[in-house]
Each structure stands twice: as C-alpha cells, then as structure tokens.
C-alpha atoms as a PDB file:
ATOM      1  CA  MET A   1      21.704   5.209  15.701  1.00  0.00           C
ATOM      2  CA  GLN A   2      20.507   5.324  19.285  1.00  0.00           C
ATOM      3  CA  LEU A   3      16.883   4.544  18.480  1.00  0.00           C
ATOM      4  CA  ARG A   4      17.846   1.448  16.519  1.00  0.00           C
ATOM      5  CA  ARG A   5      19.933   0.194  19.444  1.00  0.00           C
ATOM      6  CA  MET A   6      16.995   0.711  21.786  1.00  0.00           C
ATOM      7  CA  VAL A   7      14.677  -1.240  19.489  1.00  0.00           C
ATOM      8  CA  ALA A   8      17.228  -4.008  18.922  1.00  0.00           C
ATOM      9  CA  GLU A   9      17.832  -4.415  22.645  1.00  0.00           C
ATOM     10  CA  LYS A  10      14.135  -5.162  23.079  1.00  0.00           C
ATOM     11  CA  GLY A  11      14.379  -7.904  20.454  1.00  0.00           C
ATOM     12  CA  LEU A  12      11.979  -6.159  18.095  1.00  0.00           C
ATOM     13  CA  LEU A  13      14.118  -6.816  15.006  1.00  0.00           C
ATOM     14  CA  GLU A  14      14.305 -10.573  15.557  1.00  0.00           C
ATOM     15  CA  ARG A  15      12.638 -12.843  12.997  1.00  0.00           C
ATOM     16  CA  GLN A  16       9.117 -13.966  13.827  1.00  0.00           C
ATOM     17  CA  TYR A  17       8.972 -17.366  12.147  1.00  0.00           C
ATOM     18  CA  LEU A  18       6.089 -18.660  14.260  1.00  0.00           C
ATOM     19  CA  TYR A  19       3.944 -15.629  13.451  1.00  0.00           C
ATOM     20  CA  TYR A  20       4.397 -16.035   9.705  1.00  0.00           C
ATOM     21  CA  ALA A  21       4.128 -19.835   9.973  1.00  0.00           C
ATOM     22  CA  MET A  22       0.583 -19.190  11.182  1.00  0.00           C
ATOM     23  CA  LYS A  23      -0.191 -16.125   9.034  1.00  0.00           C
ATOM     24  CA  ILE A  24       0.655 -17.478   5.591  1.00  0.00           C
ATOM     25  CA  PRO A  25      -1.132 -20.862   5.922  1.00  0.00           C
ATOM     26  CA  GLY A  26      -4.093 -18.996   7.415  1.00  0.00           C
ATOM     27  CA  MET A  27      -4.309 -16.789   4.336  1.00  0.00           C
ATOM     28  CA  LEU A  28      -3.947 -19.819   2.045  1.00  0.00           C
ATOM     29  CA  ALA A  29      -6.847 -21.460   3.897  1.00  0.00           C
ATOM     30  CA  MET A  30      -8.979 -18.340   3.390  1.00  0.00           C
ATOM     31  CA  LEU A  31      -8.061 -18.345  -0.301  1.00  0.00           C
ATOM     32  CA  ALA A  32      -9.021 -22.022  -0.593  1.00  0.00           C
ATOM     33  CA  LEU A  33     -12.358 -21.279   1.078  1.00  0.00           C
ATOM     34  CA  GLY A  34     -13.103 -18.507  -1.415  1.00  0.00           C
ATOM     35  CA  VAL A  35     -12.233 -20.759  -4.361  1.00  0.00           C
ATOM     36  CA  ALA A  36     -14.421 -23.520  -2.915  1.00  0.00           C
ATOM     37  CA  VAL A  37     -17.370 -21.126  -2.762  1.00  0.00           C
ATOM     38  CA  VAL A  38     -16.852 -20.253  -6.442  1.00  0.00           C
ATOM     39  CA  VAL A  39     -16.872 -23.958  -7.324  1.00  0.00           C
ATOM     40  CA  LEU A  40     -19.784 -25.078  -5.124  1.00  0.00           C
ATOM     41  CA  PHE A  41     -22.325 -22.240  -5.256  1.00  0.00           C
ATOM     42  CA  ASP A  42     -24.072 -20.538  -8.139  1.00  0.00           C
ATOM     43  CA  GLN A  43     -26.317 -18.044  -6.321  1.00  0.00           C
ATOM     44  CA  LEU A  44     -25.476 -14.478  -7.300  1.00  0.00           C
ATOM     45  CA  TRP A  45     -25.738 -13.073  -3.783  1.00  0.00           C
ATOM     46  CA  VAL A  46     -23.376 -15.742  -2.447  1.00  0.00           C
ATOM     47  CA  GLN A  47     -20.814 -14.944  -5.109  1.00  0.00           C
ATOM     48  CA  MET A  48     -21.027 -11.202  -4.485  1.00  0.00           C
ATOM     49  CA  LEU A  49     -20.351 -11.793  -0.787  1.00  0.00           C
ATOM     50  CA  ASN A  50     -17.516 -14.085  -1.835  1.00  0.00           C
ATOM     51  CA  ALA A  51     -16.100 -11.336  -4.043  1.00  0.00           C
ATOM     52  CA  VAL A  52     -15.993  -9.052  -1.003  1.00  0.00           C
ATOM     53  CA  PHE A  53     -14.375 -11.799   1.081  1.00  0.00           C
ATOM     54  CA  LEU A  54     -11.732 -12.527  -1.556  1.00  0.00           C
ATOM     55  CA  ALA A  55     -11.031  -8.812  -1.946  1.00  0.00           C
ATOM     56  CA  VAL A  56      -9.871  -8.849   1.676  1.00  0.00           C
ATOM     57  CA  VAL A  57      -7.901 -12.061   1.085  1.00  0.00           C
ATOM     58  CA  PHE A  58      -6.104 -10.624  -1.960  1.00  0.00           C
ATOM     59  CA  ALA A  59      -5.238  -7.464  -0.034  1.00  0.00           C
ATOM     60  CA  GLN A  60      -3.795  -9.624   2.732  1.00  0.00           C
ATOM     61  CA  PHE A  61      -1.627 -11.456   0.219  1.00  0.00           C
ATOM     62  CA  GLY A  62      -0.496  -8.071  -1.014  1.00  0.00           C
ATOM     63  CA  PHE A  63       0.577  -7.229   2.546  1.00  0.00           C
ATOM     64  CA  ILE A  64       2.406 -10.562   2.846  1.00  0.00           C
ATOM     65  CA  GLY A  65       4.226  -9.755  -0.390  1.00  0.00           C
ATOM     66  CA  HIS A  66       5.053  -6.348   1.065  1.00  0.00           C
ATOM     67  CA  ASP A  67       6.512  -7.953   4.204  1.00  0.00           C
ATOM     68  CA  SER A  68       8.663 -10.363   2.216  1.00  0.00           C
ATOM     69  CA  GLY A  69       9.792  -7.563  -0.081  1.00  0.00           C
ATOM     70  CA  HIS A  70      11.173  -5.780   2.979  1.00  0.00           C
ATOM     71  CA  ARG A  71      12.893  -9.003   4.130  1.00  0.00           C
ATOM     72  CA  GLN A  72      10.747  -9.145   7.259  1.00  0.00           C
ATOM     73  CA  ILE A  73      10.031 -12.870   7.133  1.00  0.00           C
ATOM     74  CA  PHE A  74      13.314 -14.716   6.463  1.00  0.00           C
ATOM     75  CA  ARG A  75      16.982 -13.820   6.679  1.00  0.00           C
ATOM     76  CA  SER A  76      17.517 -15.319   3.239  1.00  0.00           C
ATOM     77  CA  ALA A  77      16.683 -12.993   0.338  1.00  0.00           C
ATOM     78  CA  ARG A  78      15.832 -16.041  -1.774  1.00  0.00           C
ATOM     79  CA  ASN A  79      13.254 -17.336   0.697  1.00  0.00           C
ATOM     80  CA  ASN A  80      11.652 -13.915   0.957  1.00  0.00           C
ATOM     81  CA  ASP A  81      11.540 -13.756  -2.835  1.00  0.00           C
ATOM     82  CA  LEU A  82       9.736 -17.088  -2.939  1.00  0.00           C
ATOM     83  CA  VAL A  83       7.016 -15.638  -0.700  1.00  0.00           C
ATOM     84  CA  MET A  84       6.816 -12.590  -2.979  1.00  0.00           C
ATOM     85  CA  LEU A  85       6.356 -14.904  -5.959  1.00  0.00           C
ATOM     86  CA  LEU A  86       3.548 -16.674  -4.085  1.00  0.00           C
ATOM     87  CA  ALA A  87       1.872 -13.307  -3.462  1.00  0.00           C
ATOM     88  CA  GLY A  88       2.342 -12.474  -7.138  1.00  0.00           C
ATOM     89  CA  LEU A  89       0.740 -15.770  -8.161  1.00  0.00           C
ATOM     90  CA  VAL A  90      -2.345 -14.990  -6.076  1.00  0.00           C
ATOM     91  CA  THR A  91      -2.721 -11.298  -6.879  1.00  0.00           C
ATOM     92  CA  GLY A  92      -1.184 -11.060 -10.357  1.00  0.00           C
ATOM     93  CA  MET A  93       1.205  -8.313  -9.239  1.00  0.00           C
ATOM     94  CA  THR A  94       4.814  -8.222 -10.470  1.00  0.00           C
ATOM     95  CA  PRO A  95       7.275  -8.587  -7.540  1.00  0.00           C
ATOM     96  CA  SER A  96      10.248  -6.725  -9.062  1.00  0.00           C
ATOM     97  CA  TRP A  97       8.094  -3.789 -10.159  1.00  0.00           C
ATOM     98  CA  TRP A  98       6.599  -3.474  -6.709  1.00  0.00           C
ATOM     99  CA  MET A  99       9.996  -3.638  -4.980  1.00  0.00           C
ATOM    100  CA  ASP A 100      11.527  -1.085  -7.340  1.00  0.00           C
ATOM    101  CA  LYS A 101       8.631   1.345  -6.927  1.00  0.00           C
ATOM    102  CA  HIS A 102       8.214   0.833  -3.189  1.00  0.00           C
ATOM    103  CA  ASN A 103      11.903   0.994  -2.257  1.00  0.00           C
ATOM    104  CA  THR A 104      12.197   4.291  -4.136  1.00  0.00           C
ATOM    105  CA  HIS A 105       9.327   5.596  -2.028  1.00  0.00           C
ATOM    106  CA  HIS A 106      10.998   4.439   1.187  1.00  0.00           C
ATOM    107  CA  ARG A 107      14.239   6.226   0.349  1.00  0.00           C
ATOM    108  CA  ASN A 108      12.519   9.565  -0.292  1.00  0.00           C
ATOM    109  CA  PRO A 109       9.004   9.614   1.237  1.00  0.00           C
ATOM    110  CA  ASN A 110       6.882  12.587   0.192  1.00  0.00           C
ATOM    111  CA  GLN A 111       9.780  14.267  -1.640  1.00  0.00           C
ATOM    112  CA  LEU A 112       8.931  15.874  -4.965  1.00  0.00           C
ATOM    113  CA  GLY A 113      10.893  14.494  -7.883  1.00  0.00           C
ATOM    114  CA  ALA A 114      11.945  11.425  -5.924  1.00  0.00           C
ATOM    115  CA  ASP A 115       8.824   9.713  -4.556  1.00  0.00           C
ATOM    116  CA  GLY A 116       6.630   8.360  -7.328  1.00  0.00           C
ATOM    117  CA  ASP A 117       3.727   7.959  -4.916  1.00  0.00           C
ATOM    118  CA  ILE A 118       3.158  11.735  -5.011  1.00  0.00           C
ATOM    119  CA  GLU A 119       3.864  12.069  -8.734  1.00  0.00           C
ATOM    120  CA  VAL A 120       0.647  10.634 -10.149  1.00  0.00           C
ATOM    121  CA  SER A 121      -1.411  11.977 -13.014  1.00  0.00           C
ATOM    122  CA  VAL A 122      -4.874  11.756 -11.465  1.00  0.00           C
ATOM    123  CA  PHE A 123      -4.189  13.630  -8.204  1.00  0.00           C
ATOM    124  CA  ALA A 124      -2.282  16.669  -6.998  1.00  0.00           C
ATOM    125  CA  PHE A 125      -0.473  16.894  -3.676  1.00  0.00           C
ATOM    126  CA  THR A 126       0.709  20.493  -3.998  1.00  0.00           C
ATOM    127  CA  GLU A 127      -0.870  23.619  -5.474  1.00  0.00           C
ATOM    128  CA  GLU A 128       1.810  23.638  -8.152  1.00  0.00           C
ATOM    129  CA  GLN A 129       0.861  20.138  -9.270  1.00  0.00           C
ATOM    130  CA  ALA A 130      -2.814  21.140  -9.358  1.00  0.00           C
ATOM    131  CA  ILE A 131      -2.175  24.219 -11.514  1.00  0.00           C
ATOM    132  CA  GLU A 132      -0.202  22.161 -14.044  1.00  0.00           C
ATOM    133  CA  LYS A 133      -3.100  19.783 -14.773  1.00  0.00           C
ATOM    134  CA  LYS A 134      -4.743  20.038 -18.203  1.00  0.00           C
ATOM    135  CA  GLY A 135      -7.937  18.795 -19.814  1.00  0.00           C
ATOM    136  CA  PRO A 136     -10.047  16.178 -18.026  1.00  0.00           C
ATOM    137  CA  LEU A 137      -7.363  15.746 -15.352  1.00  0.00           C
ATOM    138  CA  ARG A 138      -7.801  19.390 -14.405  1.00  0.00           C
ATOM    139  CA  PHE A 139     -11.491  18.808 -13.707  1.00  0.00           C
ATOM    140  CA  LEU A 140     -10.711  15.625 -11.771  1.00  0.00           C
ATOM    141  CA  VAL A 141      -8.124  17.358  -9.592  1.00  0.00           C
ATOM    142  CA  LYS A 142     -10.355  20.399  -9.136  1.00  0.00           C
ATOM    143  CA  TYR A 143     -12.738  18.166  -7.185  1.00  0.00           C
ATOM    144  CA  GLN A 144     -10.229  15.513  -6.139  1.00  0.00           C
ATOM    145  CA  ALA A 145     -11.481  15.348  -2.562  1.00  0.00           C
ATOM    146  CA  ILE A 146     -14.787  14.097  -3.983  1.00  0.00           C
ATOM    147  CA  PHE A 147     -13.241  11.758  -6.547  1.00  0.00           C
ATOM    148  CA  PHE A 148     -10.419  10.423  -4.374  1.00  0.00           C
ATOM    149  CA  TYR A 149     -12.069   7.297  -3.022  1.00  0.00           C
ATOM    150  CA  PRO A 150     -14.025   6.450  -6.194  1.00  0.00           C
ATOM    151  CA  VAL A 151     -10.725   6.556  -8.118  1.00  0.00           C
ATOM    152  CA  LEU A 152      -9.225   4.118  -5.609  1.00  0.00           C
ATOM    153  CA  LEU A 153     -11.615   1.518  -7.024  1.00  0.00           C
ATOM    154  CA  LEU A 154      -9.237   1.442 -10.014  1.00  0.00           C
ATOM    155  CA  THR A 155      -6.152   0.677  -7.883  1.00  0.00           C
ATOM    156  CA  SER A 156      -6.087  -2.997  -8.902  1.00  0.00           C
ATOM    157  CA  LEU A 157      -5.943  -2.058 -12.582  1.00  0.00           C
ATOM    158  CA  SER A 158      -3.082   0.323 -11.848  1.00  0.00           C
ATOM    159  CA  LEU A 159      -1.154  -2.312  -9.901  1.00  0.00           C
ATOM    160  CA  LEU A 160      -1.690  -5.002 -12.522  1.00  0.00           C
ATOM    161  CA  GLY A 161      -1.005  -2.710 -15.468  1.00  0.00           C
ATOM    162  CA  GLY A 162       2.096  -1.158 -13.949  1.00  0.00           C
ATOM    163  CA  GLY A 163       3.592  -4.564 -13.302  1.00  0.00           C
ATOM    164  CA  VAL A 164       2.837  -5.941 -16.763  1.00  0.00           C
ATOM    165  CA  ALA A 165       4.283  -2.814 -18.397  1.00  0.00           C
ATOM    166  CA  TYR A 166       7.406  -3.260 -16.273  1.00  0.00           C
ATOM    167  CA  LEU A 167       7.813  -6.828 -17.534  1.00  0.00           C
ATOM    168  CA  VAL A 168       7.235  -5.780 -21.149  1.00  0.00           C
ATOM    169  CA  ARG A 169       9.881  -3.060 -20.857  1.00  0.00           C
ATOM    170  CA  ARG A 170      12.254  -5.671 -19.375  1.00  0.00           C
ATOM    171  CA  GLU A 171      13.404  -3.340 -16.652  1.00  0.00           C
ATOM    172  CA  ARG A 172      15.130  -4.495 -13.448  1.00  0.00           C
ATOM    173  CA  VAL A 173      13.313  -7.838 -13.268  1.00  0.00           C
ATOM    174  CA  ARG A 174      14.988 -10.015 -10.669  1.00  0.00           C
ATOM    175  CA  TYR A 175      13.615 -13.316 -11.983  1.00  0.00           C
ATOM    176  CA  PRO A 176      12.652 -12.729 -15.653  1.00  0.00           C
ATOM    177  CA  ILE A 177      11.305 -16.218 -16.365  1.00  0.00           C
ATOM    178  CA  ALA A 178       9.769 -16.925 -12.956  1.00  0.00           C
ATOM    179  CA  GLU A 179       8.016 -13.580 -12.653  1.00  0.00           C
ATOM    180  CA  VAL A 180       6.512 -13.676 -16.143  1.00  0.00           C
ATOM    181  CA  THR A 181       5.363 -17.236 -15.465  1.00  0.00           C
ATOM    182  CA  VAL A 182       3.896 -16.348 -12.070  1.00  0.00           C
ATOM    183  CA  VAL A 183       2.027 -13.259 -13.307  1.00  0.00           C
ATOM    184  CA  LEU A 184       0.604 -15.003 -16.380  1.00  0.00           C
ATOM    185  CA  ALA A 185      -0.299 -18.121 -14.395  1.00  0.00           C
ATOM    186  CA  GLY A 186      -1.926 -16.092 -11.642  1.00  0.00           C
ATOM    187  CA  ILE A 187      -4.098 -14.078 -14.015  1.00  0.00           C
ATOM    188  CA  GLY A 188      -4.830 -17.160 -16.124  1.00  0.00           C
ATOM    189  CA  LEU A 189      -5.897 -19.309 -13.171  1.00  0.00           C
ATOM    190  CA  TYR A 190      -8.033 -16.497 -11.805  1.00  0.00           C
ATOM    191  CA  LEU A 191      -9.937 -16.137 -15.088  1.00  0.00           C
ATOM    192  CA  ALA A 192     -10.103 -19.883 -15.732  1.00  0.00           C
ATOM    193  CA  ILE A 193     -11.647 -20.700 -12.345  1.00  0.00           C
ATOM    194  CA  LEU A 194     -14.242 -17.942 -12.560  1.00  0.00           C
ATOM    195  CA  PHE A 195     -15.357 -18.615 -16.132  1.00  0.00           C
ATOM    196  CA  ALA A 196     -15.287 -22.401 -15.659  1.00  0.00           C
ATOM    197  CA  PHE A 197     -17.672 -22.408 -12.699  1.00  0.00           C
ATOM    198  CA  LEU A 198     -19.759 -19.250 -13.109  1.00  0.00           C
ATOM    199  CA  PRO A 199     -21.956 -18.050 -15.970  1.00  0.00           C
ATOM    200  CA  PRO A 200     -19.966 -15.584 -18.123  1.00  0.00           C
ATOM    201  CA  TRP A 201     -21.959 -12.517 -17.039  1.00  0.00           C
ATOM    202  CA  GLN A 202     -21.663 -13.520 -13.370  1.00  0.00           C
ATOM    203  CA  ALA A 203     -17.933 -14.156 -13.713  1.00  0.00           C
ATOM    204  CA  ALA A 204     -17.498 -10.724 -15.296  1.00  0.00           C
ATOM    205  CA  LEU A 205     -19.503  -9.080 -12.496  1.00  0.00           C
ATOM    206  CA  PHE A 206     -17.462 -10.991  -9.918  1.00  0.00           C
ATOM    207  CA  ILE A 207     -14.223  -9.665 -11.445  1.00  0.00           C
ATOM    208  CA  VAL A 208     -15.478  -6.080 -11.421  1.00  0.00           C
ATOM    209  CA  VAL A 209     -16.648  -6.233  -7.796  1.00  0.00           C
ATOM    210  CA  HIS A 210     -13.691  -8.234  -6.528  1.00  0.00           C
ATOM    211  CA  ARG A 211     -10.946  -6.225  -8.226  1.00  0.00           C
ATOM    212  CA  ALA A 212     -12.582  -2.881  -7.430  1.00  0.00           C
ATOM    213  CA  LEU A 213     -12.906  -3.704  -3.730  1.00  0.00           C
ATOM    214  CA  ALA A 214      -9.452  -5.302  -3.464  1.00  0.00           C
ATOM    215  CA  GLY A 215      -7.953  -2.167  -4.989  1.00  0.00           C
ATOM    216  CA  PHE A 216     -10.072   0.061  -2.773  1.00  0.00           C
ATOM    217  CA  HIS A 217      -8.915  -1.865   0.286  1.00  0.00           C
ATOM    218  CA  MET A 218      -5.237  -1.521  -0.580  1.00  0.00           C
ATOM    219  CA  GLY A 219      -5.579   2.085  -1.715  1.00  0.00           C
ATOM    220  CA  SER A 220      -7.425   3.001   1.472  1.00  0.00           C
ATOM    221  CA  VAL A 221      -4.602   1.491   3.510  1.00  0.00           C
ATOM    222  CA  PHE A 222      -1.867   3.267   1.533  1.00  0.00           C
ATOM    223  CA  ALA A 223      -3.602   6.669   1.639  1.00  0.00           C
ATOM    224  CA  PRO A 224      -3.342   7.453   5.387  1.00  0.00           C
ATOM    225  CA  ASN A 225       0.366   6.613   5.405  1.00  0.00           C
ATOM    226  CA  HIS A 226       1.594   9.895   3.911  1.00  0.00           C
ATOM    227  CA  LYS A 227      -1.239  11.781   2.188  1.00  0.00           C
ATOM    228  CA  GLY A 228      -1.823  15.108   3.884  1.00  0.00           C
ATOM    229  CA  MET A 229       1.573  15.048   5.587  1.00  0.00           C
ATOM    230  CA  PRO A 230       4.383  17.517   4.748  1.00  0.00           C
ATOM    231  CA  VAL A 231       5.643  17.417   1.165  1.00  0.00           C
ATOM    232  CA  LEU A 232       9.366  18.110   0.705  1.00  0.00           C
ATOM    233  CA  GLU A 233      10.960  20.142  -2.066  1.00  0.00           C
ATOM    234  CA  PRO A 234      13.413  18.411  -4.423  1.00  0.00           C
ATOM    235  CA  GLY A 235      16.801  18.351  -2.777  1.00  0.00           C
ATOM    236  CA  ALA A 236      15.446  19.123   0.693  1.00  0.00           C
ATOM    237  CA  LYS A 237      17.895  17.911   3.318  1.00  0.00           C
ATOM    238  CA  LEU A 238      16.485  16.253   6.412  1.00  0.00           C
ATOM    239  CA  ASP A 239      18.199  13.598   8.470  1.00  0.00           C
ATOM    240  CA  TYR A 240      16.853  10.072   8.102  1.00  0.00           C
ATOM    241  CA  LEU A 241      14.894  10.113  11.364  1.00  0.00           C
ATOM    242  CA  ARG A 242      13.081  13.373  10.672  1.00  0.00           C
ATOM    243  CA  GLN A 243      12.268  12.651   7.051  1.00  0.00           C
ATOM    244  CA  GLN A 244      10.734   9.292   7.911  1.00  0.00           C
ATOM    245  CA  VAL A 245       8.807  10.565  10.953  1.00  0.00           C
ATOM    246  CA  LEU A 246       7.619  13.968   9.734  1.00  0.00           C
ATOM    247  CA  THR A 247       6.214  12.666   6.444  1.00  0.00           C
ATOM    248  CA  ALA A 248       4.295   9.706   7.919  1.00  0.00           C
ATOM    249  CA  ARG A 249       1.123   9.222   9.937  1.00  0.00           C
ATOM    250  CA  ASP A 250       0.200   6.391  12.296  1.00  0.00           C
ATOM    251  CA  VAL A 251      -3.411   5.260  12.612  1.00  0.00           C
ATOM    252  CA  LEU A 252      -4.304   4.332  16.175  1.00  0.00           C
ATOM    253  CA  PRO A 253      -4.336   0.550  16.588  1.00  0.00           C
ATOM    254  CA  ASN A 254      -6.971  -1.972  17.477  1.00  0.00           C
ATOM    255  CA  PRO A 255      -7.284  -5.613  16.336  1.00  0.00           C
ATOM    256  CA  VAL A 256      -9.470  -4.742  13.314  1.00  0.00           C
ATOM    257  CA  ILE A 257      -7.208  -1.901  12.158  1.00  0.00           C
ATOM    258  CA  ASP A 258      -4.068  -4.003  12.651  1.00  0.00           C
ATOM    259  CA  PHE A 259      -5.530  -6.778  10.470  1.00  0.00           C
ATOM    260  CA  ALA A 260      -7.095  -4.570   7.804  1.00  0.00           C
ATOM    261  CA  TYR A 261      -3.953  -2.433   7.422  1.00  0.00           C
ATOM    262  CA  GLY A 262      -1.529  -5.347   7.416  1.00  0.00           C
ATOM    263  CA  GLY A 263       0.474  -3.527  10.096  1.00  0.00           C
ATOM    264  CA  LEU A 264       0.891  -0.432   7.929  1.00  0.00           C
ATOM    265  CA  ASN A 265      -1.095   1.656  10.383  1.00  0.00           C
ATOM    266  CA  TYR A 266       2.265   1.743  12.221  1.00  0.00           C
ATOM    267  CA  GLN A 267       3.671   3.669   9.279  1.00  0.00           C
ATOM    268  CA  ILE A 268       6.235   5.717  11.206  1.00  0.00           C
ATOM    269  CA  GLU A 269       7.760   2.619  12.769  1.00  0.00           C
ATOM    270  CA  HIS A 270       7.660   0.751   9.468  1.00  0.00           C
ATOM    271  CA  HIS A 271       9.538   3.535   7.700  1.00  0.00           C
ATOM    272  CA  LEU A 272      12.164   3.742  10.410  1.00  0.00           C
ATOM    273  CA  PHE A 273      12.637  -0.043  10.484  1.00  0.00           C
ATOM    274  CA  PRO A 274      11.410  -1.499   7.154  1.00  0.00           C
ATOM    275  CA  ASN A 275      12.681  -4.993   7.941  1.00  0.00           C
ATOM    276  CA  MET A 276      10.962  -5.170  11.343  1.00  0.00           C
ATOM    277  CA  PRO A 277       8.439  -8.046  11.388  1.00  0.00           C
ATOM    278  CA  ARG A 278       4.888  -6.770  11.214  1.00  0.00           C
ATOM    279  CA  ASN A 279       3.799  -8.109  14.593  1.00  0.00           C
ATOM    280  CA  ARG A 280       6.564  -6.201  16.431  1.00  0.00           C
ATOM    281  CA  LEU A 281       5.622  -2.756  15.105  1.00  0.00           C
ATOM    282  CA  LYS A 282       3.058  -2.263  17.866  1.00  0.00           C
ATOM    283  CA  ASP A 283       5.749  -2.677  20.529  1.00  0.00           C
ATOM    284  CA  ALA A 284       8.126  -0.417  18.616  1.00  0.00           C
ATOM    285  CA  ARG A 285       5.471   2.317  18.564  1.00  0.00           C
ATOM    286  CA  GLU A 286       5.857   3.023  22.267  1.00  0.00           C
ATOM    287  CA  VAL A 287       9.643   3.247  21.986  1.00  0.00           C
ATOM    288  CA  VAL A 288       9.624   5.467  18.886  1.00  0.00           C
ATOM    289  CA  LYS A 289       6.886   7.742  20.159  1.00  0.00           C
ATOM    290  CA  ALA A 290       8.673   8.397  23.475  1.00  0.00           C
ATOM    291  CA  PHE A 291      12.000   8.896  21.686  1.00  0.00           C
ATOM    292  CA  CYS A 292      10.522  11.514  19.332  1.00  0.00           C
ATOM    293  CA  LEU A 293       8.602  13.377  22.019  1.00  0.00           C
ATOM    294  CA  GLU A 294      11.696  13.619  24.226  1.00  0.00           C
ATOM    295  CA  ARG A 295      13.524  15.327  21.358  1.00  0.00           C
ATOM    296  CA  GLY A 296      10.717  17.600  20.222  1.00  0.00           C
ATOM    297  CA  ILE A 297      10.184  15.740  16.949  1.00  0.00           C
ATOM    298  CA  PRO A 298       6.484  15.832  15.948  1.00  0.00           C
ATOM    299  CA  TYR A 299       4.997  12.332  15.980  1.00  0.00           C
ATOM    300  CA  HIS A 300       1.599  12.288  14.307  1.00  0.00           C
ATOM    301  CA  GLU A 301      -0.962   9.603  15.078  1.00  0.00           C
ATOM    302  CA  THR A 302      -4.702   9.790  14.808  1.00  0.00           C
ATOM    303  CA  GLY A 303      -7.809   7.641  14.621  1.00  0.00           C
ATOM    304  CA  PHE A 304      -9.197   6.070  11.461  1.00  0.00           C
ATOM    305  CA  TRP A 305     -11.920   8.635  10.789  1.00  0.00           C
ATOM    306  CA  GLN A 306      -9.720  11.615  11.607  1.00  0.00           C
ATOM    307  CA  SER A 307      -7.083  10.318   9.197  1.00  0.00           C
ATOM    308  CA  GLN A 308      -9.711  10.306   6.437  1.00  0.00           C
ATOM    309  CA  ARG A 309     -10.726  13.875   7.271  1.00  0.00           C
ATOM    310  CA  GLU A 310      -7.101  14.996   7.176  1.00  0.00           C
ATOM    311  CA  ILE A 311      -6.489  13.380   3.787  1.00  0.00           C
ATOM    312  CA  LEU A 312      -9.613  14.766   2.125  1.00  0.00           C
ATOM    313  CA  GLY A 313      -9.207  18.173   3.747  1.00  0.00           C
ATOM    314  CA  TYR A 314      -5.645  18.459   2.478  1.00  0.00           C
ATOM    315  CA  MET A 315      -6.556  17.363  -1.039  1.00  0.00           C
ATOM    316  CA  HIS A 316      -9.417  19.849  -1.112  1.00  0.00           C
ATOM    317  CA  GLU A 317      -7.106  22.664  -0.039  1.00  0.00           C
ATOM    318  CA  VAL A 318      -4.258  22.016  -2.499  1.00  0.00           C
ATOM    319  CA  SER A 319      -6.742  21.974  -5.387  1.00  0.00           C
ATOM    320  CA  ALA A 320      -8.176  25.358  -4.287  1.00  0.00           C
ATOM    321  CA  PRO A 321      -6.478  27.358  -7.105  1.00  0.00           C
ATOM    322  CA  LEU A 322      -8.519  25.430  -9.657  1.00  0.00           C
ATOM    323  CA  ARG A 323     -11.655  26.603  -7.922  1.00  0.00           C
ATOM    324  CA  GLY A 324     -10.546  30.255  -7.975  1.00  0.00           C
ATOM    325  CA  LYS A 325      -9.081  30.245  -4.479  1.00  0.00           C
ATOM    326  CA  SER A 326      -5.533  30.455  -3.168  1.00  0.00           C
ATOM    327  CA  ARG A 327      -3.745  28.544  -0.481  1.00  0.00           C
ATOM    328  CA  ARG A 328      -0.014  28.159  -0.153  1.00  0.00           C
ATOM    329  CA  ALA A 329      -0.043  24.526   0.895  1.00  0.00           C
ATOM    330  CA  GLY A 330       2.570  23.420  -1.527  1.00  0.00           C
ATOM    331  CA  ALA A 331       5.882  21.837  -0.761  1.00  0.00           C
ATOM    332  CA  VAL A 332       7.909  22.687   2.302  1.00  0.00           C
ATOM    333  CA  GLU A 333      11.641  23.071   2.510  1.00  0.00           C
ATOM    334  CA  GLY A 334      13.795  20.920   4.689  1.00  0.00           C
ATOM    335  CA  GLY A 335      16.745  22.343   6.486  1.00  0.00           C
END
C-alpha cells in the first residue's frame, strides 16, 4: 500500500524504546505517589484529590496496555504481553478479553453485526437499534444524549466485569494461569491497601470516586473515536483505507489532549497503523491527511468541544423515533 510505504520511509513505524523507557517508569512513579498518599494521609479531602489523581494514572496504564496489545512497544509478542499483564495488575482488566474485543473492533470499525463497540445494550447508534429497545432501556435510549456521560461513570465496572466473565467462561485466554493470577492479585491489592490504611467508609467512597472517574476518563477518550461517524451495514464492502478513515474522527492535538487521550486522539492514524508507536502518530497525521485530501477521501478532525457536540447531537438524532420524531440516520451502505 502506497501510504504505508510513505509512512515507513519516514521511519514512523520504527520502535520507540526510549519513549516507552521513560513513559512506563514515569507512570509507575505516579502510581507509587498515589499509593504513598493513601498510606500517609487520612484527611478526606486529600484522599478525594488522590482518587482523582489515581483515576488519571489508571487510565494511563490502560493506554499503556492498549499500546502493548497492538505490539507498539516491543517486536517480541511475549514482551508486549508482559507489559499488558502489568497493566492488568494495576487496573484489574483482563488482557486477553481486551485484545479479543478490541481487535474485533479494529477489523470492522462501526460495522453493524461485526463491531461490538456499537452493539451495546444501553445505547443506540442507529434508529433501528433505538426502536428495538424495550423496558427501562427504551427510556434510557430515548434520552441517551442526556444520559451518555453519566453512564460512562460505570465504564470501569463494565471493563472489570467483562474481563472476569471472559475468564470464567474460559474463552480464548492466552495465559490462563497468569491472567487469573494478575486480575485477582490486582483487585486484591487494590482493596487491601485501601481498607488497610483508610477507614472503611472512606475506603468505600474512594473506590466509588476513583473507579467512576477512571471509567469516565477512558470512556470519554473512546467516545470521540467513532461515535457520530458513519455506521456501516452488515456486509458493506469498503476497502481498508476508506473503512478505517471514514468511520474515525481525529481530535485536534495539543500537549494536554495528547496526554489525556493516550495518543488515541489520532484515531485515523491509529486505525490505519495499529502497531505504530504512540509518539509517532502526530507525525503520521500530516502524511495521512495530505494523502486522503489528494484523493478526495474525507478526513474528519475537529476540536475537543466540537467532538462532544457531534457525539451528543448524533445520539440525540438517532433516538428521535422514541420521542415521536423521525430521522433516517441509520446505517449507511458501503460500495
């Protein structure tokens, strides 16, 4: 593929060992600082600030696990898996479950019947999905633009629960013993540290605040990637380049966005080159953007606040039939 050759010639697919040699120890130092605050301080306000701080740290470990899952860090699959296990130990997430779910998404982004990220019970991404909702879910989807971000506060529970269920079902677990050990040890250490050094009610409050905000952080990063972008019918045929570009959205970069998003604000580039190290995506953006524009392929990028408006506006529109309105914003066909 011509675009891949252009990117490779610029060295953008080369391993970035120095970058990750600084990134991972930096995150471990931040984690150690958060644990130290739990151990040394008992003031409620300090611990609530610490819960916010550690929510960011846990999200960052999630992004590191994401990078290693895409083989961005090392050439060796085993070494990347070790980093994923480290991320699982910190966050409690199951590596094999995440890889299985996420790789399926990458193969078929925003395609009905193939991408599990748009086949969720609590939201609708087409009018047809909205109309099919029953009971309490129907009410939730009816006003999903209002409930969208509050529901994201439950993302951590979804990520933890999905992984544990995956282990219980004994599905395609790459390291059955290691992953069970890592997940149980991670959750156990998390609870043990909090309840050993904080009063029980304060530890419980810490967990609620920390897990809600960590999930909100990750969910808020995942949402702009594809939500509100074209949804493809089952069996729609688009070439690889167009499917990855047309269904994704970039969020304009700056140092804060790059850090908070873990590089996923360069979603188009990430989908085109999943194994590209995170710190090279910014350089790839200029190449990919020019390549698409020269060929008349829509390349969508927008600022942070506009991306939120697009997401909520789209979700409000596809749920219109439940409010007695009609809008044909369902799936689109690929040719």
